[in-house]
Amino acid sequence: MAWIRTVPFEEAAGKLKKLYERVTGPGGNVDNIMLVHSLRPHSMEGHMAIYKAVLHHSGNSLPKWYLEVLGVWVSSLNDCGYCVEHHFSGLQRLLRDATRGEAIRAAIEARNLEQAPLDAAQRAGLAYARKLTEAPAAVIEADVNALRAAGLDDGQILEINQVTAYFSYANRTVLGLGCSTKGDVLGLSPNNSENPDDWGHS
């Protein structure tokens, strides 16, 4: 499951147990990406707070399924299979169009955004996310201006930026610690977007 020791749910105590109880899914499942934080519960707390804010918060205006597309895209660029599988399952659940979801994934795997059944603004967001992921120091103001020209407002540009940055963090957490999907339930997420403190997965 990981290359470092983790504390199982049934052995957790104190703050760690309380955090586990907050992030559980059906049957008491805790995603392995959260379990890898178990030796430092405060870092799990920080991880969940930013994850909930950038992907599952009512203050975001871009569709949640599109934020998941961004997550799958960035994770694919970073060769993070764990996050690709988790968030593609979440994308499919939110999109409710399996054929379109598979077409989006095929375009991602081919690195050909023009093949993706997305609108111009959504593809522009993915192009920005690719540059920010692969060559962050090369991003210039013109790249942000291109997003505006595609129809995105500055708040939506911030959302794209934050989802991209979050997944680069999450990918490195997973890849750097050997986190696998073994035992995970794919596609669950904290769906109560109205309450930032509700981290329960469903």
C-alpha atoms as a PDB file:
ATOM      1  CA  MET A   1       0.000   0.000   0.000  1.00  0.00           C
ATOM      2  CA  ALA A   2       2.915   2.383   0.758  1.00  0.00           C
ATOM      3  CA  TRP A   3       6.653   2.317   1.304  1.00  0.00           C
ATOM      4  CA  ILE A   4       6.394   3.822   4.789  1.00  0.00           C
ATOM      5  CA  ARG A   5       4.564   2.556   7.851  1.00  0.00           C
ATOM      6  CA  THR A   6       0.938   3.581   8.146  1.00  0.00           C
ATOM      7  CA  VAL A   7      -1.461   3.296  11.060  1.00  0.00           C
ATOM      8  CA  PRO A   8      -4.574   1.215  10.267  1.00  0.00           C
ATOM      9  CA  PHE A   9      -7.975   2.660  11.088  1.00  0.00           C
ATOM     10  CA  GLU A  10      -8.565   0.123  13.867  1.00  0.00           C
ATOM     11  CA  GLU A  11      -5.276   1.070  15.609  1.00  0.00           C
ATOM     12  CA  ALA A  12      -5.710   4.831  15.422  1.00  0.00           C
ATOM     13  CA  ALA A  13      -6.105   6.929  18.555  1.00  0.00           C
ATOM     14  CA  GLY A  14      -6.402  10.572  19.538  1.00  0.00           C
ATOM     15  CA  LYS A  15      -6.278  13.166  16.782  1.00  0.00           C
ATOM     16  CA  LEU A  16      -5.525  10.580  14.099  1.00  0.00           C
ATOM     17  CA  LYS A  17      -8.645   8.594  14.973  1.00  0.00           C
ATOM     18  CA  LYS A  18     -10.767  11.750  14.836  1.00  0.00           C
ATOM     19  CA  LEU A  19      -9.338  12.642  11.416  1.00  0.00           C
ATOM     20  CA  TYR A  20      -9.912   9.122  10.116  1.00  0.00           C
ATOM     21  CA  GLU A  21     -13.524   9.351  11.264  1.00  0.00           C
ATOM     22  CA  ARG A  22     -13.902  12.607   9.317  1.00  0.00           C
ATOM     23  CA  VAL A  23     -12.520  11.252   6.023  1.00  0.00           C
ATOM     24  CA  THR A  24     -14.093   7.798   5.985  1.00  0.00           C
ATOM     25  CA  GLY A  25     -16.207   6.449   3.173  1.00  0.00           C
ATOM     26  CA  PRO A  26     -18.646   3.527   3.190  1.00  0.00           C
ATOM     27  CA  GLY A  27     -17.627   0.724   5.525  1.00  0.00           C
ATOM     28  CA  GLY A  28     -15.037   2.864   7.276  1.00  0.00           C
ATOM     29  CA  ASN A  29     -12.796   3.009   4.200  1.00  0.00           C
ATOM     30  CA  VAL A  30      -9.963   5.560   4.345  1.00  0.00           C
ATOM     31  CA  ASP A  31      -8.232   6.289   1.033  1.00  0.00           C
ATOM     32  CA  ASN A  32      -4.600   5.226   0.988  1.00  0.00           C
ATOM     33  CA  ILE A  33      -3.489   8.762   0.100  1.00  0.00           C
ATOM     34  CA  MET A  34      -4.842   9.806   3.501  1.00  0.00           C
ATOM     35  CA  LEU A  35      -3.402   6.776   5.296  1.00  0.00           C
ATOM     36  CA  VAL A  36       0.124   7.738   4.202  1.00  0.00           C
ATOM     37  CA  HIS A  37      -0.198  10.850   6.403  1.00  0.00           C
ATOM     38  CA  SER A  38      -0.956   8.794   9.499  1.00  0.00           C
ATOM     39  CA  LEU A  39       2.417   9.323  11.200  1.00  0.00           C
ATOM     40  CA  ARG A  40       1.867  13.100  10.961  1.00  0.00           C
ATOM     41  CA  PRO A  41      -1.880  13.742  11.360  1.00  0.00           C
ATOM     42  CA  HIS A  42      -1.413  17.496  11.007  1.00  0.00           C
ATOM     43  CA  SER A  43      -0.277  17.029   7.402  1.00  0.00           C
ATOM     44  CA  MET A  44      -3.399  14.943   6.678  1.00  0.00           C
ATOM     45  CA  GLU A  45      -5.464  17.775   8.093  1.00  0.00           C
ATOM     46  CA  GLY A  46      -3.744  20.275   5.796  1.00  0.00           C
ATOM     47  CA  HIS A  47      -4.078  17.983   2.786  1.00  0.00           C
ATOM     48  CA  MET A  48      -7.799  17.491   3.270  1.00  0.00           C
ATOM     49  CA  ALA A  49      -8.442  21.184   3.829  1.00  0.00           C
ATOM     50  CA  ILE A  50      -6.836  22.212   0.529  1.00  0.00           C
ATOM     51  CA  TYR A  51      -8.351  19.254  -1.345  1.00  0.00           C
ATOM     52  CA  LYS A  52     -11.844  20.124  -0.168  1.00  0.00           C
ATOM     53  CA  ALA A  53     -11.357  23.819  -0.953  1.00  0.00           C
ATOM     54  CA  VAL A  54     -10.062  23.417  -4.492  1.00  0.00           C
ATOM     55  CA  LEU A  55     -12.315  20.569  -5.689  1.00  0.00           C
ATOM     56  CA  HIS A  56     -15.372  20.350  -3.455  1.00  0.00           C
ATOM     57  CA  HIS A  57     -16.389  23.821  -2.302  1.00  0.00           C
ATOM     58  CA  SER A  58     -19.547  25.741  -3.153  1.00  0.00           C
ATOM     59  CA  GLY A  59     -17.452  28.870  -3.761  1.00  0.00           C
ATOM     60  CA  ASN A  60     -16.057  27.380  -6.979  1.00  0.00           C
ATOM     61  CA  SER A  61     -17.952  28.215 -10.172  1.00  0.00           C
ATOM     62  CA  LEU A  62     -16.455  25.738 -12.629  1.00  0.00           C
ATOM     63  CA  PRO A  63     -18.316  22.400 -12.790  1.00  0.00           C
ATOM     64  CA  LYS A  64     -16.976  19.801 -10.388  1.00  0.00           C
ATOM     65  CA  TRP A  65     -16.711  17.254 -13.189  1.00  0.00           C
ATOM     66  CA  TYR A  66     -14.409  19.645 -15.083  1.00  0.00           C
ATOM     67  CA  LEU A  67     -12.242  20.140 -12.000  1.00  0.00           C
ATOM     68  CA  GLU A  68     -11.937  16.344 -11.930  1.00  0.00           C
ATOM     69  CA  VAL A  69     -10.938  16.415 -15.629  1.00  0.00           C
ATOM     70  CA  LEU A  70      -8.148  18.802 -14.678  1.00  0.00           C
ATOM     71  CA  GLY A  71      -7.097  16.421 -11.923  1.00  0.00           C
ATOM     72  CA  VAL A  72      -6.980  13.429 -14.257  1.00  0.00           C
ATOM     73  CA  TRP A  73      -5.062  15.490 -16.834  1.00  0.00           C
ATOM     74  CA  VAL A  74      -2.411  16.738 -14.397  1.00  0.00           C
ATOM     75  CA  SER A  75      -2.090  13.284 -12.834  1.00  0.00           C
ATOM     76  CA  SER A  76      -1.649  11.718 -16.268  1.00  0.00           C
ATOM     77  CA  LEU A  77       1.032  14.275 -17.136  1.00  0.00           C
ATOM     78  CA  ASN A  78       2.788  13.343 -13.893  1.00  0.00           C
ATOM     79  CA  ASP A  79       2.357   9.582 -14.576  1.00  0.00           C
ATOM     80  CA  CYS A  80       0.420   9.165 -11.329  1.00  0.00           C
ATOM     81  CA  GLY A  81      -1.832   6.183 -11.989  1.00  0.00           C
ATOM     82  CA  TYR A  82      -3.277   6.266  -8.467  1.00  0.00           C
ATOM     83  CA  CYS A  83      -4.778   9.732  -8.907  1.00  0.00           C
ATOM     84  CA  VAL A  84      -5.794   9.071 -12.516  1.00  0.00           C
ATOM     85  CA  GLU A  85      -7.861   6.047 -11.501  1.00  0.00           C
ATOM     86  CA  HIS A  86      -9.402   7.676  -8.425  1.00  0.00           C
ATOM     87  CA  HIS A  87     -10.353  10.890 -10.131  1.00  0.00           C
ATOM     88  CA  PHE A  88     -11.442   9.361 -13.415  1.00  0.00           C
ATOM     89  CA  SER A  89     -13.929   7.307 -11.398  1.00  0.00           C
ATOM     90  CA  GLY A  90     -15.045  10.511  -9.688  1.00  0.00           C
ATOM     91  CA  LEU A  91     -15.274  12.272 -13.050  1.00  0.00           C
ATOM     92  CA  GLN A  92     -17.504   9.552 -14.445  1.00  0.00           C
ATOM     93  CA  ARG A  93     -19.775   9.657 -11.405  1.00  0.00           C
ATOM     94  CA  LEU A  94     -20.164  13.440 -11.619  1.00  0.00           C
ATOM     95  CA  LEU A  95     -20.415  13.701 -15.418  1.00  0.00           C
ATOM     96  CA  ARG A  96     -23.061  10.965 -15.722  1.00  0.00           C
ATOM     97  CA  ASP A  97     -22.046  10.349 -19.337  1.00  0.00           C
ATOM     98  CA  ALA A  98     -19.742   7.332 -19.554  1.00  0.00           C
ATOM     99  CA  THR A  99     -19.179   7.646 -23.301  1.00  0.00           C
ATOM    100  CA  ARG A 100     -18.122  11.275 -23.043  1.00  0.00           C
ATOM    101  CA  GLY A 101     -15.948  10.478 -20.031  1.00  0.00           C
ATOM    102  CA  GLU A 102     -14.144   7.727 -21.929  1.00  0.00           C
ATOM    103  CA  ALA A 103     -13.605  10.108 -24.859  1.00  0.00           C
ATOM    104  CA  ILE A 104     -12.089  12.678 -22.515  1.00  0.00           C
ATOM    105  CA  ARG A 105      -9.791  10.035 -21.061  1.00  0.00           C
ATOM    106  CA  ALA A 106      -8.736   8.858 -24.523  1.00  0.00           C
ATOM    107  CA  ALA A 107      -7.825  12.444 -25.464  1.00  0.00           C
ATOM    108  CA  ILE A 108      -5.861  12.799 -22.226  1.00  0.00           C
ATOM    109  CA  GLU A 109      -3.951   9.577 -22.843  1.00  0.00           C
ATOM    110  CA  ALA A 110      -3.221  10.645 -26.426  1.00  0.00           C
ATOM    111  CA  ARG A 111      -2.122  14.099 -25.190  1.00  0.00           C
ATOM    112  CA  ASN A 112      -4.454  15.522 -27.831  1.00  0.00           C
ATOM    113  CA  LEU A 113      -6.817  18.042 -26.285  1.00  0.00           C
ATOM    114  CA  GLU A 114      -8.488  18.778 -29.611  1.00  0.00           C
ATOM    115  CA  GLN A 115      -9.979  15.273 -29.474  1.00  0.00           C
ATOM    116  CA  ALA A 116     -11.609  15.927 -26.107  1.00  0.00           C
ATOM    117  CA  PRO A 117     -15.380  16.625 -26.154  1.00  0.00           C
ATOM    118  CA  LEU A 118     -14.883  19.897 -24.292  1.00  0.00           C
ATOM    119  CA  ASP A 119     -15.529  23.502 -25.191  1.00  0.00           C
ATOM    120  CA  ALA A 120     -12.790  25.974 -26.131  1.00  0.00           C
ATOM    121  CA  ALA A 121     -12.546  27.496 -22.644  1.00  0.00           C
ATOM    122  CA  GLN A 122     -12.237  24.061 -21.031  1.00  0.00           C
ATOM    123  CA  ARG A 123      -9.503  23.037 -23.457  1.00  0.00           C
ATOM    124  CA  ALA A 124      -7.710  26.325 -22.827  1.00  0.00           C
ATOM    125  CA  GLY A 125      -7.735  25.553 -19.112  1.00  0.00           C
ATOM    126  CA  LEU A 126      -6.162  22.172 -19.774  1.00  0.00           C
ATOM    127  CA  ALA A 127      -3.470  23.738 -21.977  1.00  0.00           C
ATOM    128  CA  TYR A 128      -2.607  26.170 -19.168  1.00  0.00           C
ATOM    129  CA  ALA A 129      -2.559  23.301 -16.658  1.00  0.00           C
ATOM    130  CA  ARG A 130      -0.126  21.371 -18.860  1.00  0.00           C
ATOM    131  CA  LYS A 131       2.322  24.253 -19.059  1.00  0.00           C
ATOM    132  CA  LEU A 132       2.050  24.928 -15.323  1.00  0.00           C
ATOM    133  CA  THR A 133       2.684  21.230 -14.621  1.00  0.00           C
ATOM    134  CA  GLU A 134       5.531  20.613 -17.059  1.00  0.00           C
ATOM    135  CA  ALA A 135       7.270  24.011 -17.167  1.00  0.00           C
ATOM    136  CA  PRO A 136       5.992  26.208 -14.337  1.00  0.00           C
ATOM    137  CA  ALA A 137       8.733  28.812 -14.655  1.00  0.00           C
ATOM    138  CA  ALA A 138       7.812  29.273 -18.324  1.00  0.00           C
ATOM    139  CA  VAL A 139       4.262  30.450 -17.550  1.00  0.00           C
ATOM    140  CA  ILE A 140       3.870  34.122 -18.481  1.00  0.00           C
ATOM    141  CA  GLU A 141       1.123  36.720 -18.245  1.00  0.00           C
ATOM    142  CA  ALA A 142       0.113  36.006 -21.830  1.00  0.00           C
ATOM    143  CA  ASP A 143      -0.923  32.505 -20.752  1.00  0.00           C
ATOM    144  CA  VAL A 144      -3.407  33.985 -18.288  1.00  0.00           C
ATOM    145  CA  ASN A 145      -4.580  36.487 -20.881  1.00  0.00           C
ATOM    146  CA  ALA A 146      -5.280  33.573 -23.233  1.00  0.00           C
ATOM    147  CA  LEU A 147      -7.604  32.083 -20.613  1.00  0.00           C
ATOM    148  CA  ARG A 148      -9.482  35.362 -20.361  1.00  0.00           C
ATOM    149  CA  ALA A 149      -9.734  35.497 -24.148  1.00  0.00           C
ATOM    150  CA  ALA A 150     -11.249  31.991 -24.067  1.00  0.00           C
ATOM    151  CA  GLY A 151     -14.025  33.275 -21.793  1.00  0.00           C
ATOM    152  CA  LEU A 152     -12.782  32.436 -18.301  1.00  0.00           C
ATOM    153  CA  ASP A 153     -12.977  35.057 -15.574  1.00  0.00           C
ATOM    154  CA  ASP A 154     -10.174  35.653 -13.102  1.00  0.00           C
ATOM    155  CA  GLY A 155     -11.834  33.636 -10.340  1.00  0.00           C
ATOM    156  CA  GLN A 156     -12.153  30.641 -12.673  1.00  0.00           C
ATOM    157  CA  ILE A 157      -8.523  31.056 -13.709  1.00  0.00           C
ATOM    158  CA  LEU A 158      -7.616  30.887 -10.026  1.00  0.00           C
ATOM    159  CA  GLU A 159      -9.664  27.688  -9.679  1.00  0.00           C
ATOM    160  CA  ILE A 160      -7.772  26.086 -12.577  1.00  0.00           C
ATOM    161  CA  ASN A 161      -4.457  27.219 -11.099  1.00  0.00           C
ATOM    162  CA  GLN A 162      -5.275  25.801  -7.679  1.00  0.00           C
ATOM    163  CA  VAL A 163      -6.533  22.438  -8.940  1.00  0.00           C
ATOM    164  CA  THR A 164      -3.385  22.109 -11.048  1.00  0.00           C
ATOM    165  CA  ALA A 165      -1.153  22.995  -8.110  1.00  0.00           C
ATOM    166  CA  TYR A 166      -3.034  20.681  -5.744  1.00  0.00           C
ATOM    167  CA  PHE A 167      -2.698  17.672  -8.022  1.00  0.00           C
ATOM    168  CA  SER A 168       1.013  18.222  -8.504  1.00  0.00           C
ATOM    169  CA  TYR A 169       1.254  18.068  -4.691  1.00  0.00           C
ATOM    170  CA  ALA A 170      -0.989  15.023  -4.407  1.00  0.00           C
ATOM    171  CA  ASN A 171       0.828  13.216  -7.237  1.00  0.00           C
ATOM    172  CA  ARG A 172       4.168  13.724  -5.520  1.00  0.00           C
ATOM    173  CA  THR A 173       2.756  12.536  -2.213  1.00  0.00           C
ATOM    174  CA  VAL A 174       1.598   9.316  -3.884  1.00  0.00           C
ATOM    175  CA  LEU A 175       4.580   8.710  -6.153  1.00  0.00           C
ATOM    176  CA  GLY A 176       7.179   9.606  -3.544  1.00  0.00           C
ATOM    177  CA  LEU A 177       5.759   7.200  -0.950  1.00  0.00           C
ATOM    178  CA  GLY A 178       4.675   4.303  -3.172  1.00  0.00           C
ATOM    179  CA  CYS A 179       0.966   4.698  -2.464  1.00  0.00           C
ATOM    180  CA  SER A 180      -1.188   2.145  -4.308  1.00  0.00           C
ATOM    181  CA  THR A 181      -4.913   1.715  -4.862  1.00  0.00           C
ATOM    182  CA  LYS A 182      -4.916  -1.665  -3.065  1.00  0.00           C
ATOM    183  CA  GLY A 183      -7.937  -1.744  -0.755  1.00  0.00           C
ATOM    184  CA  ASP A 184      -9.268   1.628  -1.903  1.00  0.00           C
ATOM    185  CA  VAL A 185     -12.808   2.296  -3.087  1.00  0.00           C
ATOM    186  CA  LEU A 186     -12.334   4.336  -6.263  1.00  0.00           C
ATOM    187  CA  GLY A 187     -14.259   7.484  -7.094  1.00  0.00           C
ATOM    188  CA  LEU A 188     -15.439   8.563  -3.647  1.00  0.00           C
ATOM    189  CA  SER A 189     -15.213  12.225  -2.677  1.00  0.00           C
ATOM    190  CA  PRO A 190     -16.405  14.672   0.003  1.00  0.00           C
ATOM    191  CA  ASN A 191     -19.640  15.653  -1.713  1.00  0.00           C
ATOM    192  CA  ASN A 192     -21.130  18.099   0.788  1.00  0.00           C
ATOM    193  CA  SER A 193     -19.759  21.197  -0.944  1.00  0.00           C
ATOM    194  CA  GLU A 194     -21.787  23.538   1.274  1.00  0.00           C
ATOM    195  CA  ASN A 195     -19.831  22.575   4.416  1.00  0.00           C
ATOM    196  CA  PRO A 196     -16.024  22.879   4.151  1.00  0.00           C
ATOM    197  CA  ASP A 197     -15.658  20.989   7.430  1.00  0.00           C
ATOM    198  CA  ASP A 198     -17.541  17.916   6.161  1.00  0.00           C
ATOM    199  CA  TRP A 199     -14.822  15.619   4.815  1.00  0.00           C
ATOM    200  CA  GLY A 200     -16.879  12.419   4.713  1.00  0.00           C
ATOM    201  CA  HIS A 201     -16.511  10.513   1.431  1.00  0.00           C
ATOM    202  CA  SER A 202     -19.427   9.051  -0.463  1.00  0.00           C
END
